[in-house]
Amino acid sequence: MPRIFTRDITISPEDIDVQGHVNNLRYVAWMQDVAVAHSAAQGWPMSRYVAEQAGWVVRSHTITYKRPAFFGEQIVAATWIAGFSPRSSPRRYLFWRPADQVVLAEAETMWVFVNLTTGRPSKLPEELRTAFEIVEAEAEVMALLKG
């Protein structure tokens, strides 16, 4: 089970905006995609959340764009859990270009666990908490980047 989950991305024409680089909204979509994939890899696919009548909603996103990315480039998206509180969890993300090891963007989403019927925040089940290891040291993530 990966503490830090990664996904390779090839930038397609649909990812590019009128300025010729990756559109900012694509990063948000990739953040959601890689979070869902990480959850599934840890034994929590969407079907399990539905069966549990619970799931995650976004309270906030914070993204720092550092460098642009362009059509055809290969980039990597990484995500990890940075902590847990009784009803929420910050998840961090790093996007980089392996060809030159340039960091393209850093981000964090505050996810809130909710009851799918009521939409109200719900306490995180212990089995969900134990499915993910918390990664506190940014050095571990940067070592992954340097590969």
C-alpha atoms as a PDB file:
ATOM      1  CA  MET A   1       0.000   0.000   0.000  1.00  0.00           C
ATOM      2  CA  PRO A   2       1.650   3.234  -1.111  1.00  0.00           C
ATOM      3  CA  ARG A   3       2.161   5.990   1.462  1.00  0.00           C
ATOM      4  CA  ILE A   4       2.661   8.368  -1.432  1.00  0.00           C
ATOM      5  CA  PHE A   5       0.562   7.558  -4.475  1.00  0.00           C
ATOM      6  CA  THR A   6       1.759   8.633  -7.930  1.00  0.00           C
ATOM      7  CA  ARG A   7       0.206   8.719 -11.367  1.00  0.00           C
ATOM      8  CA  ASP A   8       1.895   9.522 -14.668  1.00  0.00           C
ATOM      9  CA  ILE A   9       0.114  12.057 -16.866  1.00  0.00           C
ATOM     10  CA  THR A  10       0.700  12.825 -20.533  1.00  0.00           C
ATOM     11  CA  ILE A  11      -0.516  16.324 -21.301  1.00  0.00           C
ATOM     12  CA  SER A  12      -3.124  16.252 -24.062  1.00  0.00           C
ATOM     13  CA  PRO A  13      -4.472  19.042 -26.292  1.00  0.00           C
ATOM     14  CA  GLU A  14      -7.604  19.223 -24.075  1.00  0.00           C
ATOM     15  CA  ASP A  15      -5.392  20.180 -21.113  1.00  0.00           C
ATOM     16  CA  ILE A  16      -4.056  23.320 -22.810  1.00  0.00           C
ATOM     17  CA  ASP A  17      -5.573  26.793 -22.405  1.00  0.00           C
ATOM     18  CA  VAL A  18      -5.459  29.854 -24.670  1.00  0.00           C
ATOM     19  CA  GLN A  19      -2.071  30.808 -23.209  1.00  0.00           C
ATOM     20  CA  GLY A  20      -0.561  27.584 -24.526  1.00  0.00           C
ATOM     21  CA  HIS A  21       0.041  25.843 -21.207  1.00  0.00           C
ATOM     22  CA  VAL A  22      -1.923  23.519 -18.924  1.00  0.00           C
ATOM     23  CA  ASN A  23      -5.152  25.126 -17.764  1.00  0.00           C
ATOM     24  CA  ASN A  24      -5.319  25.715 -14.009  1.00  0.00           C
ATOM     25  CA  LEU A  25      -8.607  23.805 -13.773  1.00  0.00           C
ATOM     26  CA  ARG A  26      -6.912  20.660 -15.079  1.00  0.00           C
ATOM     27  CA  TYR A  27      -4.769  20.566 -11.951  1.00  0.00           C
ATOM     28  CA  VAL A  28      -7.925  20.551  -9.810  1.00  0.00           C
ATOM     29  CA  ALA A  29      -9.351  17.686 -11.889  1.00  0.00           C
ATOM     30  CA  TRP A  30      -6.070  15.766 -11.619  1.00  0.00           C
ATOM     31  CA  MET A  31      -6.087  16.327  -7.857  1.00  0.00           C
ATOM     32  CA  GLN A  32      -9.490  14.691  -7.590  1.00  0.00           C
ATOM     33  CA  ASP A  33      -8.540  11.862  -9.962  1.00  0.00           C
ATOM     34  CA  VAL A  34      -5.340  10.980  -8.131  1.00  0.00           C
ATOM     35  CA  ALA A  35      -7.080  11.191  -4.725  1.00  0.00           C
ATOM     36  CA  VAL A  36      -9.805   8.787  -5.887  1.00  0.00           C
ATOM     37  CA  ALA A  37      -7.192   6.415  -7.346  1.00  0.00           C
ATOM     38  CA  HIS A  38      -5.145   6.517  -4.119  1.00  0.00           C
ATOM     39  CA  SER A  39      -8.248   5.765  -2.057  1.00  0.00           C
ATOM     40  CA  ALA A  40      -9.129   2.810  -4.294  1.00  0.00           C
ATOM     41  CA  ALA A  41      -5.545   1.494  -4.039  1.00  0.00           C
ATOM     42  CA  GLN A  42      -5.904   1.571  -0.245  1.00  0.00           C
ATOM     43  CA  GLY A  43      -9.068  -0.529  -0.353  1.00  0.00           C
ATOM     44  CA  TRP A  44     -11.581   2.318  -0.431  1.00  0.00           C
ATOM     45  CA  PRO A  45     -13.013   2.506  -3.970  1.00  0.00           C
ATOM     46  CA  MET A  46     -16.112   4.616  -4.618  1.00  0.00           C
ATOM     47  CA  SER A  47     -18.347   1.541  -4.347  1.00  0.00           C
ATOM     48  CA  ARG A  48     -17.215   1.014  -0.755  1.00  0.00           C
ATOM     49  CA  TYR A  49     -18.026   4.595   0.198  1.00  0.00           C
ATOM     50  CA  VAL A  50     -21.496   4.197  -1.354  1.00  0.00           C
ATOM     51  CA  ALA A  51     -22.027   0.959   0.573  1.00  0.00           C
ATOM     52  CA  GLU A  52     -20.977   2.756   3.767  1.00  0.00           C
ATOM     53  CA  GLN A  53     -23.373   5.648   2.948  1.00  0.00           C
ATOM     54  CA  ALA A  54     -20.464   8.066   3.447  1.00  0.00           C
ATOM     55  CA  GLY A  55     -17.853   9.895   1.399  1.00  0.00           C
ATOM     56  CA  TRP A  56     -15.688  12.945   1.008  1.00  0.00           C
ATOM     57  CA  VAL A  57     -16.476  16.517  -0.004  1.00  0.00           C
ATOM     58  CA  VAL A  58     -14.040  19.360  -0.563  1.00  0.00           C
ATOM     59  CA  ARG A  59     -13.963  22.199   1.941  1.00  0.00           C
ATOM     60  CA  SER A  60     -11.038  24.023   0.306  1.00  0.00           C
ATOM     61  CA  HIS A  61      -8.275  23.803  -2.274  1.00  0.00           C
ATOM     62  CA  THR A  62      -4.976  25.656  -2.121  1.00  0.00           C
ATOM     63  CA  ILE A  63      -2.721  25.526  -5.180  1.00  0.00           C
ATOM     64  CA  THR A  64       0.600  27.208  -5.826  1.00  0.00           C
ATOM     65  CA  TYR A  65       1.539  27.170  -9.502  1.00  0.00           C
ATOM     66  CA  LYS A  66       5.314  27.289  -9.893  1.00  0.00           C
ATOM     67  CA  ARG A  67       6.067  26.565 -13.549  1.00  0.00           C
ATOM     68  CA  PRO A  68       3.972  25.949 -16.668  1.00  0.00           C
ATOM     69  CA  ALA A  69       3.559  22.580 -18.363  1.00  0.00           C
ATOM     70  CA  PHE A  70       2.923  22.117 -22.077  1.00  0.00           C
ATOM     71  CA  PHE A  71       1.280  19.778 -24.592  1.00  0.00           C
ATOM     72  CA  GLY A  72       2.990  16.417 -24.962  1.00  0.00           C
ATOM     73  CA  GLU A  73       4.997  16.625 -21.762  1.00  0.00           C
ATOM     74  CA  GLN A  74       5.057  13.778 -19.276  1.00  0.00           C
ATOM     75  CA  ILE A  75       4.397  14.851 -15.716  1.00  0.00           C
ATOM     76  CA  VAL A  76       3.815  13.050 -12.426  1.00  0.00           C
ATOM     77  CA  ALA A  77       1.085  13.749  -9.877  1.00  0.00           C
ATOM     78  CA  ALA A  78       1.731  12.587  -6.313  1.00  0.00           C
ATOM     79  CA  THR A  79      -0.650  12.641  -3.371  1.00  0.00           C
ATOM     80  CA  TRP A  80      -0.547  11.669   0.283  1.00  0.00           C
ATOM     81  CA  ILE A  81      -2.489  12.090   3.513  1.00  0.00           C
ATOM     82  CA  ALA A  82      -0.999  14.798   5.731  1.00  0.00           C
ATOM     83  CA  GLY A  83      -3.146  14.128   8.813  1.00  0.00           C
ATOM     84  CA  PHE A  84      -6.540  13.263  10.225  1.00  0.00           C
ATOM     85  CA  SER A  85      -8.995  15.009  12.497  1.00  0.00           C
ATOM     86  CA  PRO A  86     -12.245  13.399  13.665  1.00  0.00           C
ATOM     87  CA  ARG A  87     -14.183  14.449  10.525  1.00  0.00           C
ATOM     88  CA  SER A  88     -11.646  15.696   7.995  1.00  0.00           C
ATOM     89  CA  SER A  89      -8.269  15.175   6.419  1.00  0.00           C
ATOM     90  CA  PRO A  90      -5.796  17.380   4.576  1.00  0.00           C
ATOM     91  CA  ARG A  91      -4.444  15.735   1.433  1.00  0.00           C
ATOM     92  CA  ARG A  92      -1.368  17.158  -0.258  1.00  0.00           C
ATOM     93  CA  TYR A  93      -0.290  16.999  -3.885  1.00  0.00           C
ATOM     94  CA  LEU A  94       2.861  17.615  -5.878  1.00  0.00           C
ATOM     95  CA  PHE A  95       3.100  17.847  -9.665  1.00  0.00           C
ATOM     96  CA  TRP A  96       6.486  17.645 -11.346  1.00  0.00           C
ATOM     97  CA  ARG A  97       8.146  17.042 -14.700  1.00  0.00           C
ATOM     98  CA  PRO A  98      10.580  14.095 -14.394  1.00  0.00           C
ATOM     99  CA  ALA A  99      12.581  15.124 -17.476  1.00  0.00           C
ATOM    100  CA  ASP A 100      14.135  18.028 -15.575  1.00  0.00           C
ATOM    101  CA  GLN A 101      12.765  17.396 -12.038  1.00  0.00           C
ATOM    102  CA  VAL A 102      11.011  20.766 -12.055  1.00  0.00           C
ATOM    103  CA  VAL A 103       8.133  21.170  -9.602  1.00  0.00           C
ATOM    104  CA  LEU A 104       5.130  22.526 -11.495  1.00  0.00           C
ATOM    105  CA  ALA A 105       2.593  22.911  -8.701  1.00  0.00           C
ATOM    106  CA  GLU A 106       2.031  22.168  -5.024  1.00  0.00           C
ATOM    107  CA  ALA A 107      -1.451  21.833  -3.577  1.00  0.00           C
ATOM    108  CA  GLU A 108      -3.583  20.846  -0.631  1.00  0.00           C
ATOM    109  CA  THR A 109      -7.246  19.932  -0.323  1.00  0.00           C
ATOM    110  CA  MET A 110      -9.138  19.833   2.945  1.00  0.00           C
ATOM    111  CA  TRP A 111     -11.536  16.920   2.593  1.00  0.00           C
ATOM    112  CA  VAL A 112     -14.502  16.543   4.956  1.00  0.00           C
ATOM    113  CA  PHE A 113     -16.072  13.131   5.549  1.00  0.00           C
ATOM    114  CA  VAL A 114     -19.865  13.270   5.262  1.00  0.00           C
ATOM    115  CA  ASN A 115     -22.940  11.090   5.577  1.00  0.00           C
ATOM    116  CA  LEU A 116     -24.227  10.714   2.004  1.00  0.00           C
ATOM    117  CA  THR A 117     -27.865  10.750   3.117  1.00  0.00           C
ATOM    118  CA  THR A 118     -27.765  13.881   5.282  1.00  0.00           C
ATOM    119  CA  GLY A 119     -24.753  15.660   3.783  1.00  0.00           C
ATOM    120  CA  ARG A 120     -23.555  16.389   7.322  1.00  0.00           C
ATOM    121  CA  PRO A 121     -19.983  15.817   8.537  1.00  0.00           C
ATOM    122  CA  SER A 122     -19.478  12.351   9.955  1.00  0.00           C
ATOM    123  CA  LYS A 123     -16.815  10.788  12.141  1.00  0.00           C
ATOM    124  CA  LEU A 124     -14.121   8.938  10.198  1.00  0.00           C
ATOM    125  CA  PRO A 125     -14.346   5.167  10.701  1.00  0.00           C
ATOM    126  CA  GLU A 126     -11.234   3.662  12.284  1.00  0.00           C
ATOM    127  CA  GLU A 127     -10.859   1.218   9.369  1.00  0.00           C
ATOM    128  CA  LEU A 128     -10.640   4.185   6.982  1.00  0.00           C
ATOM    129  CA  ARG A 129      -8.006   5.932   9.109  1.00  0.00           C
ATOM    130  CA  THR A 130      -5.861   2.814   9.314  1.00  0.00           C
ATOM    131  CA  ALA A 131      -5.977   2.309   5.535  1.00  0.00           C
ATOM    132  CA  PHE A 132      -3.743   5.378   5.056  1.00  0.00           C
ATOM    133  CA  GLU A 133      -0.386   6.219   6.570  1.00  0.00           C
ATOM    134  CA  ILE A 134       0.182   9.869   7.363  1.00  0.00           C
ATOM    135  CA  VAL A 135       3.151  11.420   5.566  1.00  0.00           C
ATOM    136  CA  GLU A 136       4.403  14.363   7.581  1.00  0.00           C
ATOM    137  CA  ALA A 137       7.892  14.882   6.162  1.00  0.00           C
ATOM    138  CA  GLU A 138       8.043  16.809   2.909  1.00  0.00           C
ATOM    139  CA  ALA A 139      11.580  15.420   2.558  1.00  0.00           C
ATOM    140  CA  GLU A 140      10.098  11.992   1.847  1.00  0.00           C
ATOM    141  CA  VAL A 141       8.094  13.442  -1.025  1.00  0.00           C
ATOM    142  CA  MET A 142      11.062  15.368  -2.401  1.00  0.00           C
ATOM    143  CA  ALA A 143      13.187  12.178  -2.277  1.00  0.00           C
ATOM    144  CA  LEU A 144      10.534  10.523  -4.434  1.00  0.00           C
ATOM    145  CA  LEU A 145      10.852  13.372  -6.913  1.00  0.00           C
ATOM    146  CA  LYS A 146      14.633  12.975  -7.103  1.00  0.00           C
ATOM    147  CA  GLY A 147      13.986   9.244  -7.575  1.00  0.00           C
END
